[in-house]
PDB file of N, CA and C in Angstrom:
ATOM      1  N   MET A   1      90.252 113.733 105.982  1.00  0.00           N
ATOM      2  CA  MET A   1      90.804 113.889 107.311  1.00  0.00           C
ATOM      3  C   MET A   1      89.694 114.015 108.345  1.00  0.00           C
ATOM      4  N   ALA A   2      88.609 114.674 108.026  1.00  0.00           N
ATOM      5  CA  ALA A   2      87.561 114.931 109.004  1.00  0.00           C
ATOM      6  C   ALA A   2      86.910 113.655 109.521  1.00  0.00           C
ATOM      7  N   ASN A   3      86.823 112.624 108.686  1.00  0.00           N
ATOM      8  CA  ASN A   3      86.171 111.398 109.130  1.00  0.00           C
ATOM      9  C   ASN A   3      87.105 110.500 109.954  1.00  0.00           C
ATOM     10  N   ASN A   4      88.363 110.849 110.085  1.00  0.00           N
ATOM     11  CA  ASN A   4      89.312 110.080 110.879  1.00  0.00           C
ATOM     12  C   ASN A   4      89.676 110.807 112.168  1.00  0.00           C
ATOM     13  N   ARG A   5      88.734 111.494 112.772  1.00  0.00           N
ATOM     14  CA  ARG A   5      88.992 112.231 114.017  1.00  0.00           C
ATOM     15  C   ARG A   5      88.302 111.536 115.182  1.00  0.00           C
ATOM     16  N   LEU A   6      89.088 111.282 116.238  1.00  0.00           N
ATOM     17  CA  LEU A   6      88.552 110.753 117.472  1.00  0.00           C
ATOM     18  C   LEU A   6      89.564 111.016 118.572  1.00  0.00           C
ATOM     19  N   LYS A   7      89.126 110.885 119.800  1.00  0.00           N
ATOM     20  CA  LYS A   7      90.028 111.073 120.930  1.00  0.00           C
ATOM     21  C   LYS A   7      90.978 109.884 120.970  1.00  0.00           C
ATOM     22  N   LEU A   8      92.274 110.143 120.949  1.00  0.00           N
ATOM     23  CA  LEU A   8      93.271 109.078 120.910  1.00  0.00           C
ATOM     24  C   LEU A   8      93.563 108.557 122.318  1.00  0.00           C
ATOM     25  N   THR A   9      92.626 107.792 122.838  1.00  0.00           N
ATOM     26  CA  THR A   9      92.818 107.137 124.135  1.00  0.00           C
ATOM     27  C   THR A   9      93.491 105.789 123.890  1.00  0.00           C
ATOM     28  N   GLN A  10      94.003 105.180 124.940  1.00  0.00           N
ATOM     29  CA  GLN A  10      94.656 103.883 124.804  1.00  0.00           C
ATOM     30  C   GLN A  10      93.697 102.841 124.223  1.00  0.00           C
ATOM     31  N   THR A  11      92.475 102.861 124.691  1.00  0.00           N
ATOM     32  CA  THR A  11      91.468 101.918 124.194  1.00  0.00           C
ATOM     33  C   THR A  11      91.197 102.130 122.712  1.00  0.00           C
ATOM     34  N   ASN A  12      91.001 103.379 122.298  1.00  0.00           N
ATOM     35  CA  ASN A  12      90.730 103.675 120.893  1.00  0.00           C
ATOM     36  C   ASN A  12      91.917 103.311 120.007  1.00  0.00           C
ATOM     37  N   VAL A  13      93.132 103.604 120.460  1.00  0.00           N
ATOM     38  CA  VAL A  13      94.328 103.293 119.678  1.00  0.00           C
ATOM     39  C   VAL A  13      94.456 101.785 119.486  1.00  0.00           C
ATOM     40  N   GLN A  14      94.273 101.010 120.538  1.00  0.00           N
ATOM     41  CA  GLN A  14      94.352  99.551 120.418  1.00  0.00           C
ATOM     42  C   GLN A  14      93.293  99.025 119.459  1.00  0.00           C
ATOM     43  N   ARG A  15      92.089  99.580 119.521  1.00  0.00           N
ATOM     44  CA  ARG A  15      91.004  99.166 118.627  1.00  0.00           C
ATOM     45  C   ARG A  15      91.347  99.500 117.169  1.00  0.00           C
ATOM     46  N   LEU A  16      91.916 100.688 116.934  1.00  0.00           N
ATOM     47  CA  LEU A  16      92.281 101.089 115.576  1.00  0.00           C
ATOM     48  C   LEU A  16      93.365 100.192 114.993  1.00  0.00           C
ATOM     49  N   ILE A  17      94.345  99.830 115.810  1.00  0.00           N
ATOM     50  CA  ILE A  17      95.428  98.963 115.340  1.00  0.00           C
ATOM     51  C   ILE A  17      94.888  97.571 115.002  1.00  0.00           C
ATOM     52  N   ARG A  18      94.031  97.034 115.858  1.00  0.00           N
ATOM     53  CA  ARG A  18      93.443  95.713 115.594  1.00  0.00           C
ATOM     54  C   ARG A  18      92.561  95.724 114.345  1.00  0.00           C
ATOM     55  N   ALA A  19      91.845  96.813 114.128  1.00  0.00           N
ATOM     56  CA  ALA A  19      90.899  96.893 113.012  1.00  0.00           C
ATOM     57  C   ALA A  19      91.562  97.286 111.690  1.00  0.00           C
ATOM     58  N   HIS A  20      92.827  97.655 111.715  1.00  0.00           N
ATOM     59  CA  HIS A  20      93.510  98.091 110.494  1.00  0.00           C
ATOM     60  C   HIS A  20      93.558  96.962 109.476  1.00  0.00           C
ATOM     61  N   ASP A  21      93.157  97.258 108.244  1.00  0.00           N
ATOM     62  CA  ASP A  21      93.057  96.211 107.219  1.00  0.00           C
ATOM     63  C   ASP A  21      94.376  95.914 106.511  1.00  0.00           C
ATOM     64  N   GLY A  22      95.388  96.734 106.694  1.00  0.00           N
ATOM     65  CA  GLY A  22      96.702  96.460 106.122  1.00  0.00           C
ATOM     66  C   GLY A  22      96.858  96.779 104.651  1.00  0.00           C
ATOM     67  N   THR A  23      95.922  97.501 104.058  1.00  0.00           N
ATOM     68  CA  THR A  23      96.033  97.798 102.634  1.00  0.00           C
ATOM     69  C   THR A  23      96.776  99.091 102.348  1.00  0.00           C
ATOM     70  N   LYS A  24      96.738 100.049 103.275  1.00  0.00           N
ATOM     71  CA  LYS A  24      97.411 101.321 103.042  1.00  0.00           C
ATOM     72  C   LYS A  24      97.745 101.998 104.365  1.00  0.00           C
ATOM     73  N   LYS A  25      98.556 103.045 104.282  1.00  0.00           N
ATOM     74  CA  LYS A  25      98.900 103.838 105.455  1.00  0.00           C
ATOM     75  C   LYS A  25      97.724 104.765 105.776  1.00  0.00           C
ATOM     76  N   VAL A  26      97.362 104.847 107.053  1.00  0.00           N
ATOM     77  CA  VAL A  26      96.252 105.714 107.454  1.00  0.00           C
ATOM     78  C   VAL A  26      96.674 106.630 108.592  1.00  0.00           C
ATOM     79  N   ARG A  27      95.957 107.730 108.704  1.00  0.00           N
ATOM     80  CA  ARG A  27      96.152 108.685 109.788  1.00  0.00           C
ATOM     81  C   ARG A  27      94.828 108.853 110.528  1.00  0.00           C
ATOM     82  N   HIS A  28      94.896 108.796 111.843  1.00  0.00           N
ATOM     83  CA  HIS A  28      93.729 109.044 112.686  1.00  0.00           C
ATOM     84  C   HIS A  28      94.064 110.253 113.543  1.00  0.00           C
ATOM     85  N   TRP A  29      93.346 111.345 113.340  1.00  0.00           N
ATOM     86  CA  TRP A  29      93.636 112.623 113.984  1.00  0.00           C
ATOM     87  C   TRP A  29      92.955 112.714 115.341  1.00  0.00           C
ATOM     88  N   ASP A  30      93.649 113.323 116.300  1.00  0.00           N
ATOM     89  CA  ASP A  30      93.117 113.522 117.640  1.00  0.00           C
ATOM     90  C   ASP A  30      92.145 114.697 117.647  1.00  0.00           C
ATOM     91  N   THR A  31      91.106 114.610 118.470  1.00  0.00           N
ATOM     92  CA  THR A  31      90.122 115.683 118.554  1.00  0.00           C
ATOM     93  C   THR A  31      90.517 116.760 119.559  1.00  0.00           C
ATOM     94  N   GLU A  32      91.485 116.471 120.418  1.00  0.00           N
ATOM     95  CA  GLU A  32      91.818 117.419 121.485  1.00  0.00           C
ATOM     96  C   GLU A  32      93.142 118.145 121.280  1.00  0.00           C
ATOM     97  N   VAL A  33      94.090 117.524 120.606  1.00  0.00           N
ATOM     98  CA  VAL A  33      95.399 118.148 120.385  1.00  0.00           C
ATOM     99  C   VAL A  33      95.538 118.434 118.891  1.00  0.00           C
ATOM    100  N   PRO A  34      95.550 119.710 118.516  1.00  0.00           N
ATOM    101  CA  PRO A  34      95.667 120.037 117.094  1.00  0.00           C
ATOM    102  C   PRO A  34      96.968 119.483 116.503  1.00  0.00           C
ATOM    103  N   LYS A  35      96.875 118.977 115.284  1.00  0.00           N
ATOM    104  CA  LYS A  35      98.019 118.467 114.518  1.00  0.00           C
ATOM    105  C   LYS A  35      98.593 117.152 115.027  1.00  0.00           C
ATOM    106  N   LEU A  36      98.007 116.523 116.055  1.00  0.00           N
ATOM    107  CA  LEU A  36      98.463 115.233 116.554  1.00  0.00           C
ATOM    108  C   LEU A  36      97.676 114.130 115.862  1.00  0.00           C
ATOM    109  N   PHE A  37      98.390 113.087 115.397  1.00  0.00           N
ATOM    110  CA  PHE A  37      97.703 111.966 114.771  1.00  0.00           C
ATOM    111  C   PHE A  37      98.437 110.665 115.036  1.00  0.00           C
ATOM    112  N   LEU A  38      97.711 109.580 114.866  1.00  0.00           N
ATOM    113  CA  LEU A  38      98.265 108.241 114.958  1.00  0.00           C
ATOM    114  C   LEU A  38      98.419 107.739 113.535  1.00  0.00           C
ATOM    115  N   ALA A  39      99.645 107.401 113.146  1.00  0.00           N
ATOM    116  CA  ALA A  39      99.912 106.859 111.814  1.00  0.00           C
ATOM    117  C   ALA A  39     100.056 105.351 111.924  1.00  0.00           C
ATOM    118  N   ILE A  40      99.333 104.619 111.077  1.00  0.00           N
ATOM    119  CA  ILE A  40      99.424 103.168 111.044  1.00  0.00           C
ATOM    120  C   ILE A  40      99.863 102.760 109.639  1.00  0.00           C
ATOM    121  N   THR A  41     100.951 101.985 109.564  1.00  0.00           N
ATOM    122  CA  THR A  41     101.496 101.549 108.286  1.00  0.00           C
ATOM    123  C   THR A  41     100.750 100.314 107.781  1.00  0.00           C
ATOM    124  N   PRO A  42     100.947  99.952 106.518  1.00  0.00           N
ATOM    125  CA  PRO A  42     100.302  98.747 105.995  1.00  0.00           C
ATOM    126  C   PRO A  42     100.668  97.476 106.770  1.00  0.00           C
ATOM    127  N   LYS A  43     101.850  97.423 107.347  1.00  0.00           N
ATOM    128  CA  LYS A  43     102.257  96.239 108.116  1.00  0.00           C
ATOM    129  C   LYS A  43     101.739  96.263 109.548  1.00  0.00           C
ATOM    130  N   GLY A  44     101.086  97.345 109.957  1.00  0.00           N
ATOM    131  CA  GLY A  44     100.481  97.417 111.279  1.00  0.00           C
ATOM    132  C   GLY A  44     101.279  98.163 112.329  1.00  0.00           C
ATOM    133  N   SER A  45     102.430  98.733 111.960  1.00  0.00           N
ATOM    134  CA  SER A  45     103.186  99.544 112.916  1.00  0.00           C
ATOM    135  C   SER A  45     102.453 100.855 113.148  1.00  0.00           C
ATOM    136  N   ALA A  46     102.465 101.312 114.387  1.00  0.00           N
ATOM    137  CA  ALA A  46     101.760 102.546 114.718  1.00  0.00           C
ATOM    138  C   ALA A  46     102.707 103.503 115.433  1.00  0.00           C
ATOM    139  N   ALA A  47     102.524 104.805 115.174  1.00  0.00           N
ATOM    140  CA  ALA A  47     103.353 105.823 115.823  1.00  0.00           C
ATOM    141  C   ALA A  47     102.537 107.100 115.964  1.00  0.00           C
ATOM    142  N   TYR A  48     102.772 107.791 117.063  1.00  0.00           N
ATOM    143  CA  TYR A  48     102.178 109.111 117.246  1.00  0.00           C
ATOM    144  C   TYR A  48     103.054 110.113 116.518  1.00  0.00           C
ATOM    145  N   LYS A  49     102.413 111.039 115.800  1.00  0.00           N
ATOM    146  CA  LYS A  49     103.158 112.044 115.049  1.00  0.00           C
ATOM    147  C   LYS A  49     102.466 113.401 115.171  1.00  0.00           C
ATOM    148  N   LEU A  50     103.257 114.445 114.938  1.00  0.00           N
ATOM    149  CA  LEU A  50     102.747 115.810 114.871  1.00  0.00           C
ATOM    150  C   LEU A  50     102.975 116.343 113.472  1.00  0.00           C
ATOM    151  N   GLN A  51     101.988 117.031 112.937  1.00  0.00           N
ATOM    152  CA  GLN A  51     102.159 117.685 111.656  1.00  0.00           C
ATOM    153  C   GLN A  51     102.687 119.095 111.934  1.00  0.00           C
ATOM    154  N   ILE A  52     103.804 119.428 111.326  1.00  0.00           N
ATOM    155  CA  ILE A  52     104.445 120.725 111.543  1.00  0.00           C
ATOM    156  C   ILE A  52     104.374 121.521 110.254  1.00  0.00           C
ATOM    157  N   VAL A  53     103.967 122.789 110.373  1.00  0.00           N
ATOM    158  CA  VAL A  53     103.934 123.681 109.224  1.00  0.00           C
ATOM    159  C   VAL A  53     105.167 124.577 109.315  1.00  0.00           C
ATOM    160  N   LYS A  54     106.005 124.512 108.298  1.00  0.00           N
ATOM    161  CA  LYS A  54     107.241 125.298 108.260  1.00  0.00           C
ATOM    162  C   LYS A  54     106.927 126.743 107.880  1.00  0.00           C
ATOM    163  N   PRO A  55     107.855 127.667 108.141  1.00  0.00           N
ATOM    164  CA  PRO A  55     107.621 129.081 107.799  1.00  0.00           C
ATOM    165  C   PRO A  55     107.304 129.316 106.322  1.00  0.00           C
ATOM    166  N   ASP A  56     107.805 128.454 105.446  1.00  0.00           N
ATOM    167  CA  ASP A  56     107.521 128.637 104.020  1.00  0.00           C
ATOM    168  C   ASP A  56     106.161 128.056 103.606  1.00  0.00           C
ATOM    169  N   GLY A  57     105.435 127.458 104.582  1.00  0.00           N
ATOM    170  CA  GLY A  57     104.107 126.922 104.317  1.00  0.00           C
ATOM    171  C   GLY A  57     104.068 125.441 104.019  1.00  0.00           C
ATOM    172  N   SER A  58     105.229 124.817 103.820  1.00  0.00           N
ATOM    173  CA  SER A  58     105.242 123.374 103.577  1.00  0.00           C
ATOM    174  C   SER A  58     105.000 122.631 104.882  1.00  0.00           C
ATOM    175  N   LYS A  59     104.554 121.391 104.744  1.00  0.00           N
ATOM    176  CA  LYS A  59     104.225 120.589 105.927  1.00  0.00           C
ATOM    177  C   LYS A  59     105.166 119.390 106.024  1.00  0.00           C
ATOM    178  N   THR A  60     105.456 118.995 107.252  1.00  0.00           N
ATOM    179  CA  THR A  60     106.253 117.807 107.517  1.00  0.00           C
ATOM    180  C   THR A  60     105.713 117.140 108.773  1.00  0.00           C
ATOM    181  N   ASP A  61     106.070 115.892 108.965  1.00  0.00           N
ATOM    182  CA  ASP A  61     105.627 115.152 110.141  1.00  0.00           C
ATOM    183  C   ASP A  61     106.812 114.865 111.055  1.00  0.00           C
ATOM    184  N   ALA A  62     106.586 114.961 112.359  1.00  0.00           N
ATOM    185  CA  ALA A  62     107.615 114.660 113.342  1.00  0.00           C
ATOM    186  C   ALA A  62     107.093 113.523 114.214  1.00  0.00           C
ATOM    187  N   LYS A  63     107.869 112.459 114.287  1.00  0.00           N
ATOM    188  CA  LYS A  63     107.495 111.303 115.108  1.00  0.00           C
ATOM    189  C   LYS A  63     107.786 111.612 116.575  1.00  0.00           C
ATOM    190  N   LEU A  64     106.832 111.300 117.439  1.00  0.00           N
ATOM    191  CA  LEU A  64     107.026 111.511 118.860  1.00  0.00           C
ATOM    192  C   LEU A  64     107.612 110.239 119.480  1.00  0.00           C
ATOM    193  N   ILE A  65     108.614 110.419 120.313  1.00  0.00           N
ATOM    194  CA  ILE A  65     109.267 109.265 120.928  1.00  0.00           C
ATOM    195  C   ILE A  65     108.860 109.181 122.391  1.00  0.00           C
TER     196      ILE A  65
END
């Protein structure tokens, strides 16, 4: 996770989507907003998501619309 951290600006997001190799799902974490990341699927779809920690300690992702 640490090597996939950068500021999620419009320019950086467009560059990440273009450079995606399509072999697996990846997460690129934002450096300024904790738990915010850009998820890119193998087919190239991208979505902003938040990682949420539930009271029992389990984690889930919420897609931002």
